[in-house]
Amino acid sequence: MSSYQFRSDVDADPAAPVFFLFHGTGGDENQFFDLAGQLLPGSRRVAPRGDVSEHGALRYFRRTGEGVYDMDDLRLRTAAMTEFVRTQIGTASRVIGLGYSNGANILASAQFTAPDLFDATILMHPLIPFSPPKADFGGRKVLITAGRRDPIAPAGATEALAKYFSANNAATTLEWHEGGHELRNEELRAIQAFL
């Protein structure tokens, strides 16, 4: 199992909500760290660094092409990430996850295998090109943000993921912007409202 390098708040209250942050391809543990402090002041932030290199760009799992995942690698790394998250929760009052692109995908994959792990998740521009297993997300909240013209995460796949979470009892919100794979201010406003 992987032992992730990560950044966290050393002086945060251990009973505060814990906010896990998962970067996109080519990002690192710093990508959302400051933003998360603004979105959820007082939370304990934990940002693991992806440990897969794709031509020098950090990721959380391997793929064989754009939108084509190495499913065996995804399974292994999802198990490792789930274990990492559990070791970091401690006495937190709430467990929240935020991921962008590849980070959203590992976060969603962790949710599929451990529906009890996160109280709330924010999946920004996820792409799940497979059928997730049936699960019970009762009492859990999910926000998905996406661009209607995203060339990497097509609108149909995003809608299918939102329907999956709703059908499996998550309180699900889907927030669109008119652009592509980039993050926009309206997404940040939706995240602030969600939190």
C-alpha atoms as a PDB file:
ATOM      1  CA  MET A   1       0.000   0.000   0.000  1.00  0.00           C
ATOM      2  CA  SER A   2       1.102   3.532  -0.770  1.00  0.00           C
ATOM      3  CA  SER A   3       2.232   5.964   1.893  1.00  0.00           C
ATOM      4  CA  TYR A   4       1.388   9.337   0.413  1.00  0.00           C
ATOM      5  CA  GLN A   5       3.376  12.503   0.772  1.00  0.00           C
ATOM      6  CA  PHE A   6       0.877  15.122   1.902  1.00  0.00           C
ATOM      7  CA  ARG A   7       0.423  18.603   3.276  1.00  0.00           C
ATOM      8  CA  SER A   8      -1.766  19.268   6.304  1.00  0.00           C
ATOM      9  CA  ASP A   9      -2.505  21.852   8.986  1.00  0.00           C
ATOM     10  CA  VAL A  10      -0.275  20.938  11.900  1.00  0.00           C
ATOM     11  CA  ASP A  11      -1.938  23.303  14.371  1.00  0.00           C
ATOM     12  CA  ALA A  12      -5.610  22.737  13.419  1.00  0.00           C
ATOM     13  CA  ASP A  13      -8.134  21.519  15.975  1.00  0.00           C
ATOM     14  CA  PRO A  14      -8.267  17.700  15.595  1.00  0.00           C
ATOM     15  CA  ALA A  15     -12.029  17.794  16.245  1.00  0.00           C
ATOM     16  CA  ALA A  16     -12.634  20.352  13.451  1.00  0.00           C
ATOM     17  CA  PRO A  17     -14.034  19.153  10.126  1.00  0.00           C
ATOM     18  CA  VAL A  18     -11.288  17.519   8.040  1.00  0.00           C
ATOM     19  CA  PHE A  19     -11.103  18.651   4.417  1.00  0.00           C
ATOM     20  CA  PHE A  20      -9.323  16.262   2.021  1.00  0.00           C
ATOM     21  CA  LEU A  21      -8.001  17.892  -1.165  1.00  0.00           C
ATOM     22  CA  PHE A  22      -7.181  15.969  -4.346  1.00  0.00           C
ATOM     23  CA  HIS A  23      -5.325  17.787  -7.129  1.00  0.00           C
ATOM     24  CA  GLY A  24      -5.759  17.390 -10.878  1.00  0.00           C
ATOM     25  CA  THR A  25      -3.217  15.840 -13.262  1.00  0.00           C
ATOM     26  CA  GLY A  26      -0.018  17.865 -13.075  1.00  0.00           C
ATOM     27  CA  GLY A  27      -1.000  19.543  -9.813  1.00  0.00           C
ATOM     28  CA  ASP A  28       0.302  18.756  -6.345  1.00  0.00           C
ATOM     29  CA  GLU A  29      -0.681  18.979  -2.687  1.00  0.00           C
ATOM     30  CA  ASN A  30      -0.570  22.799  -2.838  1.00  0.00           C
ATOM     31  CA  GLN A  31      -3.127  23.197  -5.657  1.00  0.00           C
ATOM     32  CA  PHE A  32      -6.215  23.707  -3.458  1.00  0.00           C
ATOM     33  CA  PHE A  33      -4.680  24.138  -0.016  1.00  0.00           C
ATOM     34  CA  ASP A  34      -5.092  27.920   0.335  1.00  0.00           C
ATOM     35  CA  LEU A  35      -8.456  27.917  -1.447  1.00  0.00           C
ATOM     36  CA  ALA A  36      -9.773  25.288   0.975  1.00  0.00           C
ATOM     37  CA  GLY A  37      -8.811  27.507   3.896  1.00  0.00           C
ATOM     38  CA  GLN A  38     -10.994  30.254   2.407  1.00  0.00           C
ATOM     39  CA  LEU A  39     -13.865  27.870   1.563  1.00  0.00           C
ATOM     40  CA  LEU A  40     -13.994  26.223   4.988  1.00  0.00           C
ATOM     41  CA  PRO A  41     -12.152  28.357   7.575  1.00  0.00           C
ATOM     42  CA  GLY A  42     -11.149  26.455  10.684  1.00  0.00           C
ATOM     43  CA  SER A  43     -11.117  23.076   8.962  1.00  0.00           C
ATOM     44  CA  ARG A  44      -8.132  20.730   9.116  1.00  0.00           C
ATOM     45  CA  ARG A  45      -6.855  20.405   5.549  1.00  0.00           C
ATOM     46  CA  VAL A  46      -5.159  17.238   4.291  1.00  0.00           C
ATOM     47  CA  ALA A  47      -3.824  17.238   0.725  1.00  0.00           C
ATOM     48  CA  PRO A  48      -2.195  14.001  -0.512  1.00  0.00           C
ATOM     49  CA  ARG A  49       0.160  14.161  -3.487  1.00  0.00           C
ATOM     50  CA  GLY A  50      -0.543  11.764  -6.356  1.00  0.00           C
ATOM     51  CA  ASP A  51       2.204   9.144  -6.592  1.00  0.00           C
ATOM     52  CA  VAL A  52       1.866   8.186 -10.267  1.00  0.00           C
ATOM     53  CA  SER A  53       3.919  10.093 -12.846  1.00  0.00           C
ATOM     54  CA  GLU A  54       2.508  10.463 -16.345  1.00  0.00           C
ATOM     55  CA  HIS A  55       5.347  12.024 -18.373  1.00  0.00           C
ATOM     56  CA  GLY A  56       6.287  13.987 -15.249  1.00  0.00           C
ATOM     57  CA  ALA A  57       2.717  15.032 -14.351  1.00  0.00           C
ATOM     58  CA  LEU A  58       1.485  13.758 -10.975  1.00  0.00           C
ATOM     59  CA  ARG A  59      -1.692  11.646 -10.925  1.00  0.00           C
ATOM     60  CA  TYR A  60      -3.454   9.314  -8.487  1.00  0.00           C
ATOM     61  CA  PHE A  61      -3.724   6.282 -10.796  1.00  0.00           C
ATOM     62  CA  ARG A  62      -2.547   5.103 -14.202  1.00  0.00           C
ATOM     63  CA  ARG A  63      -4.411   5.357 -17.465  1.00  0.00           C
ATOM     64  CA  THR A  64      -3.643   3.908 -20.877  1.00  0.00           C
ATOM     65  CA  GLY A  65      -5.137   6.833 -22.818  1.00  0.00           C
ATOM     66  CA  GLU A  66      -7.408   9.866 -22.407  1.00  0.00           C
ATOM     67  CA  GLY A  67     -10.440   8.579 -20.506  1.00  0.00           C
ATOM     68  CA  VAL A  68      -9.128   4.972 -20.528  1.00  0.00           C
ATOM     69  CA  TYR A  69      -8.244   3.838 -17.002  1.00  0.00           C
ATOM     70  CA  ASP A  70      -5.978   1.006 -15.915  1.00  0.00           C
ATOM     71  CA  MET A  71      -8.721  -0.575 -13.800  1.00  0.00           C
ATOM     72  CA  ASP A  72      -6.387  -2.896 -11.875  1.00  0.00           C
ATOM     73  CA  ASP A  73      -4.208   0.056 -10.925  1.00  0.00           C
ATOM     74  CA  LEU A  74      -7.287   2.113 -10.016  1.00  0.00           C
ATOM     75  CA  ARG A  75      -8.488  -0.659  -7.673  1.00  0.00           C
ATOM     76  CA  LEU A  76      -5.108  -0.877  -5.919  1.00  0.00           C
ATOM     77  CA  ARG A  77      -4.722   2.869  -5.566  1.00  0.00           C
ATOM     78  CA  THR A  78      -8.324   3.360  -4.435  1.00  0.00           C
ATOM     79  CA  ALA A  79      -7.689   0.856  -1.624  1.00  0.00           C
ATOM     80  CA  ALA A  80      -4.489   2.701  -0.674  1.00  0.00           C
ATOM     81  CA  MET A  81      -6.236   6.095  -0.720  1.00  0.00           C
ATOM     82  CA  THR A  82      -9.176   4.817   1.327  1.00  0.00           C
ATOM     83  CA  GLU A  83      -6.730   3.498   3.924  1.00  0.00           C
ATOM     84  CA  PHE A  84      -4.823   6.817   3.918  1.00  0.00           C
ATOM     85  CA  VAL A  85      -8.032   8.820   4.455  1.00  0.00           C
ATOM     86  CA  ARG A  86      -9.095   6.575   7.342  1.00  0.00           C
ATOM     87  CA  THR A  87      -5.712   7.065   9.063  1.00  0.00           C
ATOM     88  CA  GLN A  88      -6.066  10.865   8.798  1.00  0.00           C
ATOM     89  CA  ILE A  89      -9.657  11.313  10.042  1.00  0.00           C
ATOM     90  CA  GLY A  90      -8.922  11.101  13.768  1.00  0.00           C
ATOM     91  CA  THR A  91     -11.636  12.768  15.850  1.00  0.00           C
ATOM     92  CA  ALA A  92     -12.916  15.042  13.050  1.00  0.00           C
ATOM     93  CA  SER A  93     -16.525  16.163  13.391  1.00  0.00           C
ATOM     94  CA  ARG A  94     -17.084  15.939   9.606  1.00  0.00           C
ATOM     95  CA  VAL A  95     -15.162  14.479   6.679  1.00  0.00           C
ATOM     96  CA  ILE A  96     -15.279  16.433   3.415  1.00  0.00           C
ATOM     97  CA  GLY A  97     -13.528  15.684   0.135  1.00  0.00           C
ATOM     98  CA  LEU A  98     -12.789  18.000  -2.785  1.00  0.00           C
ATOM     99  CA  GLY A  99     -11.198  16.801  -5.998  1.00  0.00           C
ATOM    100  CA  TYR A 100     -10.607  18.208  -9.459  1.00  0.00           C
ATOM    101  CA  SER A 101     -10.350  16.084 -12.621  1.00  0.00           C
ATOM    102  CA  ASN A 102      -8.055  13.131 -11.763  1.00  0.00           C
ATOM    103  CA  GLY A 103      -8.452  14.085  -8.093  1.00  0.00           C
ATOM    104  CA  ALA A 104     -12.249  13.976  -8.451  1.00  0.00           C
ATOM    105  CA  ASN A 105     -11.937  10.536 -10.018  1.00  0.00           C
ATOM    106  CA  ILE A 106      -9.903   9.013  -7.158  1.00  0.00           C
ATOM    107  CA  LEU A 107     -12.265  10.675  -4.666  1.00  0.00           C
ATOM    108  CA  ALA A 108     -15.329   9.226  -6.424  1.00  0.00           C
ATOM    109  CA  SER A 109     -13.649   5.803  -6.628  1.00  0.00           C
ATOM    110  CA  ALA A 110     -12.979   5.914  -2.866  1.00  0.00           C
ATOM    111  CA  GLN A 111     -16.650   6.764  -2.328  1.00  0.00           C
ATOM    112  CA  PHE A 112     -17.787   3.798  -4.413  1.00  0.00           C
ATOM    113  CA  THR A 113     -15.762   1.364  -2.300  1.00  0.00           C
ATOM    114  CA  ALA A 114     -16.343   3.063   1.085  1.00  0.00           C
ATOM    115  CA  PRO A 115     -19.675   4.949   1.019  1.00  0.00           C
ATOM    116  CA  ASP A 116     -19.351   5.751   4.746  1.00  0.00           C
ATOM    117  CA  LEU A 117     -15.987   7.511   4.396  1.00  0.00           C
ATOM    118  CA  PHE A 118     -17.021  11.074   3.459  1.00  0.00           C
ATOM    119  CA  ASP A 119     -19.936  13.098   4.801  1.00  0.00           C
ATOM    120  CA  ALA A 120     -19.786  15.436   1.798  1.00  0.00           C
ATOM    121  CA  THR A 121     -17.813  15.512  -1.444  1.00  0.00           C
ATOM    122  CA  ILE A 122     -17.159  18.047  -4.163  1.00  0.00           C
ATOM    123  CA  LEU A 123     -16.315  16.449  -7.511  1.00  0.00           C
ATOM    124  CA  MET A 124     -15.071  19.062  -9.981  1.00  0.00           C
ATOM    125  CA  HIS A 125     -15.020  17.827 -13.598  1.00  0.00           C
ATOM    126  CA  PRO A 126     -15.017  14.087 -12.805  1.00  0.00           C
ATOM    127  CA  LEU A 127     -14.959  11.369 -15.467  1.00  0.00           C
ATOM    128  CA  ILE A 128     -16.096   7.889 -14.445  1.00  0.00           C
ATOM    129  CA  PRO A 129     -16.066   5.815 -17.674  1.00  0.00           C
ATOM    130  CA  PHE A 130     -17.370   2.651 -15.976  1.00  0.00           C
ATOM    131  CA  SER A 131     -20.490   1.587 -14.056  1.00  0.00           C
ATOM    132  CA  PRO A 132     -19.972   2.134 -10.334  1.00  0.00           C
ATOM    133  CA  PRO A 133     -21.296  -0.512  -7.916  1.00  0.00           C
ATOM    134  CA  LYS A 134     -24.584  -0.107  -6.073  1.00  0.00           C
ATOM    135  CA  ALA A 135     -23.999   1.614  -2.729  1.00  0.00           C
ATOM    136  CA  ASP A 136     -25.929   3.457  -0.040  1.00  0.00           C
ATOM    137  CA  PHE A 137     -25.009   7.126   0.290  1.00  0.00           C
ATOM    138  CA  GLY A 138     -27.907   7.922   2.630  1.00  0.00           C
ATOM    139  CA  GLY A 139     -27.095  10.994   4.716  1.00  0.00           C
ATOM    140  CA  ARG A 140     -24.230  11.973   2.364  1.00  0.00           C
ATOM    141  CA  LYS A 141     -24.026  15.089   0.192  1.00  0.00           C
ATOM    142  CA  VAL A 142     -22.414  15.279  -3.249  1.00  0.00           C
ATOM    143  CA  LEU A 143     -21.768  18.356  -5.391  1.00  0.00           C
ATOM    144  CA  ILE A 144     -20.633  17.803  -8.983  1.00  0.00           C
ATOM    145  CA  THR A 145     -19.390  20.809 -10.961  1.00  0.00           C
ATOM    146  CA  ALA A 146     -18.764  20.615 -14.691  1.00  0.00           C
ATOM    147  CA  GLY A 147     -18.421  22.481 -17.969  1.00  0.00           C
ATOM    148  CA  ARG A 148     -21.028  21.834 -20.644  1.00  0.00           C
ATOM    149  CA  ARG A 149     -18.274  21.926 -23.311  1.00  0.00           C
ATOM    150  CA  ASP A 150     -15.682  19.924 -21.390  1.00  0.00           C
ATOM    151  CA  PRO A 151     -13.701  17.837 -23.933  1.00  0.00           C
ATOM    152  CA  ILE A 152     -12.273  15.581 -21.199  1.00  0.00           C
ATOM    153  CA  ALA A 153     -15.384  14.937 -19.096  1.00  0.00           C
ATOM    154  CA  PRO A 154     -18.392  14.835 -21.492  1.00  0.00           C
ATOM    155  CA  ALA A 155     -21.736  16.172 -20.262  1.00  0.00           C
ATOM    156  CA  GLY A 156     -23.460  12.794 -20.682  1.00  0.00           C
ATOM    157  CA  ALA A 157     -20.957  11.050 -18.401  1.00  0.00           C
ATOM    158  CA  THR A 158     -21.331  13.831 -15.817  1.00  0.00           C
ATOM    159  CA  GLU A 159     -25.131  13.514 -15.866  1.00  0.00           C
ATOM    160  CA  ALA A 160     -24.860   9.721 -15.521  1.00  0.00           C
ATOM    161  CA  LEU A 161     -22.658  10.138 -12.430  1.00  0.00           C
ATOM    162  CA  ALA A 162     -25.097  12.611 -10.856  1.00  0.00           C
ATOM    163  CA  LYS A 163     -27.970  10.166 -11.524  1.00  0.00           C
ATOM    164  CA  TYR A 164     -25.936   7.343  -9.973  1.00  0.00           C
ATOM    165  CA  PHE A 165     -25.403   9.265  -6.730  1.00  0.00           C
ATOM    166  CA  SER A 166     -29.070  10.352  -6.592  1.00  0.00           C
ATOM    167  CA  ALA A 167     -30.286   6.790  -7.255  1.00  0.00           C
ATOM    168  CA  ASN A 168     -28.056   5.594  -4.406  1.00  0.00           C
ATOM    169  CA  ASN A 169     -29.562   8.011  -1.848  1.00  0.00           C
ATOM    170  CA  ALA A 170     -26.999  10.854  -1.894  1.00  0.00           C
ATOM    171  CA  ALA A 171     -28.287  14.422  -1.687  1.00  0.00           C
ATOM    172  CA  THR A 172     -26.840  15.345  -5.091  1.00  0.00           C
ATOM    173  CA  THR A 173     -26.346  18.752  -6.711  1.00  0.00           C
ATOM    174  CA  LEU A 174     -25.076  19.206 -10.264  1.00  0.00           C
ATOM    175  CA  GLU A 175     -23.732  22.676 -11.117  1.00  0.00           C
ATOM    176  CA  TRP A 176     -22.869  23.546 -14.738  1.00  0.00           C
ATOM    177  CA  HIS A 177     -20.933  26.348 -16.356  1.00  0.00           C
ATOM    178  CA  GLU A 178     -20.822  27.024 -20.093  1.00  0.00           C
ATOM    179  CA  GLY A 179     -17.096  26.395 -20.518  1.00  0.00           C
ATOM    180  CA  GLY A 180     -14.778  23.411 -20.725  1.00  0.00           C
ATOM    181  CA  HIS A 181     -12.442  21.668 -18.278  1.00  0.00           C
ATOM    182  CA  GLU A 182     -11.308  24.889 -16.559  1.00  0.00           C
ATOM    183  CA  LEU A 183     -12.449  25.943 -13.081  1.00  0.00           C
ATOM    184  CA  ARG A 184     -14.676  29.013 -13.042  1.00  0.00           C
ATOM    185  CA  ASN A 185     -15.912  31.447 -10.420  1.00  0.00           C
ATOM    186  CA  GLU A 186     -19.465  30.106 -10.549  1.00  0.00           C
ATOM    187  CA  GLU A 187     -18.103  26.721  -9.430  1.00  0.00           C
ATOM    188  CA  LEU A 188     -16.395  28.321  -6.447  1.00  0.00           C
ATOM    189  CA  ARG A 189     -19.633  30.091  -5.531  1.00  0.00           C
ATOM    190  CA  ALA A 190     -21.518  26.772  -5.767  1.00  0.00           C
ATOM    191  CA  ILE A 191     -18.912  25.088  -3.550  1.00  0.00           C
ATOM    192  CA  GLN A 192     -19.163  27.873  -0.968  1.00  0.00           C
ATOM    193  CA  ALA A 193     -22.960  27.522  -0.906  1.00  0.00           C
ATOM    194  CA  PHE A 194     -22.661  23.730  -0.658  1.00  0.00           C
ATOM    195  CA  LEU A 195     -20.296  23.901   2.318  1.00  0.00           C
END
